[in-house]
Amino acid sequence: MTKIYELQQYKHIHMLGIGGVSMSGIAELLKHWGFSVTGSDRTSSPVTDKLISNGIPVTIGNDDSNLINSNLVVYTAAIKQDDVLLLRAKALGIPTIERASFLGTITKAFEDTICISGTHGKTTTTSMVSMCFLETAKDPSIQVGAYLKAIDGNYRVGNSEYFIIEACEYVESFLKFFPKSEIILNIDNDHLDYFKNLENIKTSFAKYVALLPEDGLLVLNGDDINCKGLNKFTSAKCLTYGIENESNNFIARNISFNKNGFPTFDVYFNNNFYKTINLSIPGSHNIMNALACIALCHHYEIPKDDIKSALAKYTGASRRFEFKGEFNGVSVYDDYAHHPTEIVSIVNALKNKDFNKSWVIFQPHTYSRTYNLLNDFAEALSNFDNIIVTDIYSARENNIYNISSQDLVSKLISLNPNTKYMSDFEHIASYIKSNAKPSDIVITLGAGTITNLSSMLVE
């Protein structure tokens, strides 16, 4: 790497919460660059096992044997300030840095960091861009928010100056990055526990756009009203994409779907035919994600045939409308959707699929989101034939909102009487197995532990 001199004062870096999606990828990058890297986590997992097998020592629990010899401790946002190991590092006078700030330093070390951001679709679009760069042998380093089959994990260490990453807006962590290119997929009401309102979210994205250098690139959703005008915050080149707005640079036309709901469409660039694209994932929202990817890859001079081939090969990241298997002729899917807009995208994707009845099991994610978007959740979920709502997954929050899943169920029953509240996963699994019929579709939805239920259904 050309610019890791900012980090070179640190010979041994210890990572608290190393089993996290982003932390594990950072650890592998550092090891590749010759740093001594160790880590710790509360519990062991397939991620920590993989790190250990790749030569990165990981301790479980409050064992500080690796930490005490380090020159720098990196910790995730999930680590509380009263964490035993974090307090130990401070007592020893070892410098500590939060993950997002440290990742910002790493993005600066690459000549060309490509940041994919937006409220919805980051993981899918990051995966699509990664596939295209791999297809044309650009040898990128990659950090993606889910397991991606093509790289057998959620990160890849390359030897080029390209670093492709998801850039999350939560707590404005993306403002710590040094992007050369940005994709902004959409801006929606989310993370209101932090942002309070949509205007604050839009202001944050404007600051993010202003980070681009003059010779950089901004790829913008030209159909999204909240993205409108963001290009005025940068002098970087801007490319827009969409389906509805005819003045977009990249447009999808002649859209059709096969029986799996997979789209085929013609891409036009500045009103000239560009390429016919076939996706192997369902839904109109993924046409939008693909257009964003195509616009960026066009700028990076990736051949059209390579883009077409890579997008056809992409069958989805884990937990993104992921097919988990079948029982008794019933198909089971799992999706990370935890916002009403994402649920509507699933509903629309289903319309292009052949099936009998739909069953959704939804686990709301965080009290604040459930409280702030209660009516929107009810509207979105009411479109499924049969609805089961389970308990709210609290994640990082305490229930200061006095909200429960029962509040959502009460709203839903008035819109769709086929709604039930059930808390126990075993009970839900046996209920679904007794009541779902051949050719039905079952979808588990949410960003928490609900994914375990999809596995229980097909086992």
Foldseek 3Di string as FASTA:
>chain_A
DQDPVVVVVWQEEEEEQCLAQQNVLVQVQCVVVPHQYEYEYQDDDPSNVVCVVVPHHYYHDDDCPRVLPTQEYEYEPLQDCVHPNNVVCVVSVRHYYYPLLVVQSVLVRFPAEEEEEEPDDQQVLLLLLVLLCVLLPVFEWEAHNFQFPVQRGRIDHGDHSYYGYYQYCQVLSLLSHQHQEYEYLEQDDPNCVPQVDSVSSLVSVLSNLLSHDLQGEYEYAPVYPSRPPSPVSYNHHYAYEDAPDPQGQKYWPPWDADQAQWIWTWIHGRNHTDDIATAQEHFPSVVSSLRSSVVVVVVVVRDPVSSRVSRNPGNDGPQCQAFDADDQQETEGGHADQALVSLLRVLRRCVSHFFDFEEEEEAHEALVRCLVCLLSNLVSQLSGQAYEYEWHHHSPDDNPPPDIVVSSQVSNCVSHVNYYYDHDLVVVLVVCVVPPHRRYYYYYYHNDDSVVSSVVNRD
